[in-house]
C-alpha atoms as a PDB file:
ATOM      1  CA  UNK A   1      -0.158   0.147  -0.250  1.00  0.00           C
ATOM      2  CA  UNK A   2       0.965   3.458  -0.798  1.00  0.00           C
ATOM      3  CA  UNK A   3       1.387   5.835   1.430  1.00  0.00           C
ATOM      4  CA  UNK A   4       0.046   9.880   0.432  1.00  0.00           C
ATOM      5  CA  UNK A   5       2.660  12.444   0.317  1.00  0.00           C
ATOM      6  CA  UNK A   6       2.310  14.726   3.128  1.00  0.00           C
ATOM      7  CA  UNK A   7       1.309  17.795   0.644  1.00  0.00           C
ATOM      8  CA  UNK A   8      -1.079  15.856  -1.470  1.00  0.00           C
ATOM      9  CA  UNK A   9      -3.218  14.807   1.441  1.00  0.00           C
ATOM     10  CA  UNK A  10      -2.379  18.430   3.415  1.00  0.00           C
ATOM     11  CA  UNK A  11      -4.106  20.377  -0.185  1.00  0.00           C
ATOM     12  CA  UNK A  12      -5.404  18.606  -3.524  1.00  0.00           C
ATOM     13  CA  UNK A  13      -5.197  21.811  -5.204  1.00  0.00           C
ATOM     14  CA  UNK A  14      -2.464  22.183  -7.701  1.00  0.00           C
ATOM     15  CA  UNK A  15      -0.462  25.264  -7.744  1.00  0.00           C
ATOM     16  CA  UNK A  16      -1.475  26.530 -11.003  1.00  0.00           C
ATOM     17  CA  UNK A  17      -4.937  26.864  -9.795  1.00  0.00           C
ATOM     18  CA  UNK A  18      -3.639  28.598  -5.777  1.00  0.00           C
ATOM     19  CA  UNK A  19      -5.153  32.172  -6.056  1.00  0.00           C
ATOM     20  CA  UNK A  20      -3.070  34.671  -4.634  1.00  0.00           C
ATOM     21  CA  UNK A  21      -6.519  37.119  -3.107  1.00  0.00           C
ATOM     22  CA  UNK A  22      -3.741  40.099  -2.455  1.00  0.00           C
ATOM     23  CA  UNK A  23      -4.044  40.641  -5.812  1.00  0.00           C
ATOM     24  CA  UNK A  24      -7.701  40.474  -6.373  1.00  0.00           C
ATOM     25  CA  UNK A  25      -9.607  43.914  -7.651  1.00  0.00           C
ATOM     26  CA  UNK A  26     -12.865  45.376  -6.980  1.00  0.00           C
ATOM     27  CA  UNK A  27     -15.246  44.099 -10.090  1.00  0.00           C
ATOM     28  CA  UNK A  28     -15.078  47.129 -12.011  1.00  0.00           C
ATOM     29  CA  UNK A  29     -18.761  46.354 -13.686  1.00  0.00           C
ATOM     30  CA  UNK A  30     -20.355  46.057 -10.368  1.00  0.00           C
ATOM     31  CA  UNK A  31     -21.356  49.831 -10.051  1.00  0.00           C
ATOM     32  CA  UNK A  32     -23.384  49.112 -13.251  1.00  0.00           C
ATOM     33  CA  UNK A  33     -25.554  47.246 -11.566  1.00  0.00           C
ATOM     34  CA  UNK A  34     -27.819  48.432  -9.063  1.00  0.00           C
ATOM     35  CA  UNK A  35     -30.333  46.239  -7.067  1.00  0.00           C
ATOM     36  CA  UNK A  36     -33.210  46.819  -9.457  1.00  0.00           C
ATOM     37  CA  UNK A  37     -31.634  46.227 -12.538  1.00  0.00           C
ATOM     38  CA  UNK A  38     -32.117  42.118 -14.205  1.00  0.00           C
ATOM     39  CA  UNK A  39     -29.460  41.263 -16.306  1.00  0.00           C
ATOM     40  CA  UNK A  40     -30.292  38.407 -19.552  1.00  0.00           C
ATOM     41  CA  UNK A  41     -27.847  37.185 -21.902  1.00  0.00           C
ATOM     42  CA  UNK A  42     -29.413  37.413 -25.424  1.00  0.00           C
ATOM     43  CA  UNK A  43     -28.536  35.351 -28.015  1.00  0.00           C
ATOM     44  CA  UNK A  44     -25.910  35.909 -30.459  1.00  0.00           C
ATOM     45  CA  UNK A  45     -28.242  36.445 -33.181  1.00  0.00           C
ATOM     46  CA  UNK A  46     -30.938  38.574 -31.242  1.00  0.00           C
ATOM     47  CA  UNK A  47     -27.854  40.832 -29.812  1.00  0.00           C
ATOM     48  CA  UNK A  48     -26.297  41.599 -33.423  1.00  0.00           C
ATOM     49  CA  UNK A  49     -30.046  43.293 -34.141  1.00  0.00           C
ATOM     50  CA  UNK A  50     -29.785  46.083 -31.016  1.00  0.00           C
ATOM     51  CA  UNK A  51     -26.615  48.088 -30.435  1.00  0.00           C
ATOM     52  CA  UNK A  52     -27.501  49.262 -26.658  1.00  0.00           C
ATOM     53  CA  UNK A  53     -29.546  48.557 -23.894  1.00  0.00           C
ATOM     54  CA  UNK A  54     -31.573  51.667 -24.370  1.00  0.00           C
ATOM     55  CA  UNK A  55     -32.874  49.973 -27.972  1.00  0.00           C
ATOM     56  CA  UNK A  56     -33.692  46.424 -26.083  1.00  0.00           C
ATOM     57  CA  UNK A  57     -35.668  48.063 -23.769  1.00  0.00           C
ATOM     58  CA  UNK A  58     -37.640  50.095 -26.350  1.00  0.00           C
ATOM     59  CA  UNK A  59     -38.570  47.226 -28.329  1.00  0.00           C
ATOM     60  CA  UNK A  60     -39.317  45.174 -25.134  1.00  0.00           C
ATOM     61  CA  UNK A  61     -41.877  47.774 -23.829  1.00  0.00           C
ATOM     62  CA  UNK A  62     -43.534  48.702 -26.940  1.00  0.00           C
ATOM     63  CA  UNK A  63     -44.452  44.760 -26.678  1.00  0.00           C
ATOM     64  CA  UNK A  64     -45.649  44.928 -23.628  1.00  0.00           C
ATOM     65  CA  UNK A  65     -47.766  47.774 -24.172  1.00  0.00           C
ATOM     66  CA  UNK A  66     -49.477  45.355 -27.299  1.00  0.00           C
ATOM     67  CA  UNK A  67     -49.834  42.561 -24.650  1.00  0.00           C
ATOM     68  CA  UNK A  68     -52.732  41.464 -23.706  1.00  0.00           C
ATOM     69  CA  UNK A  69     -53.813  42.315 -20.406  1.00  0.00           C
ATOM     70  CA  UNK A  70     -53.579  39.411 -17.874  1.00  0.00           C
ATOM     71  CA  UNK A  71     -54.521  39.072 -14.504  1.00  0.00           C
ATOM     72  CA  UNK A  72     -52.444  37.821 -11.791  1.00  0.00           C
ATOM     73  CA  UNK A  73     -54.975  34.952  -9.769  1.00  0.00           C
ATOM     74  CA  UNK A  74     -53.779  36.821  -6.541  1.00  0.00           C
ATOM     75  CA  UNK A  75     -55.321  40.099  -7.923  1.00  0.00           C
ATOM     76  CA  UNK A  76     -58.495  38.455  -8.416  1.00  0.00           C
ATOM     77  CA  UNK A  77     -61.555  38.990  -5.732  1.00  0.00           C
END
């Protein structure tokens, strides 16, 4: 029976995966997202049609205005 090396039994993480947290920086994109925003990933073919988030929002708002109004079961009295 082989005896495990002390360094492998202590930590199975390979040296190339060790992360030096002292070099970490704050997320530079975190300021752009407020608590009210929802992040949605568009498929590449859809993303090619829009040049900005404002364009996407304009189309979605137009779609919402033309959708039939749906009453949720909680609001029915």
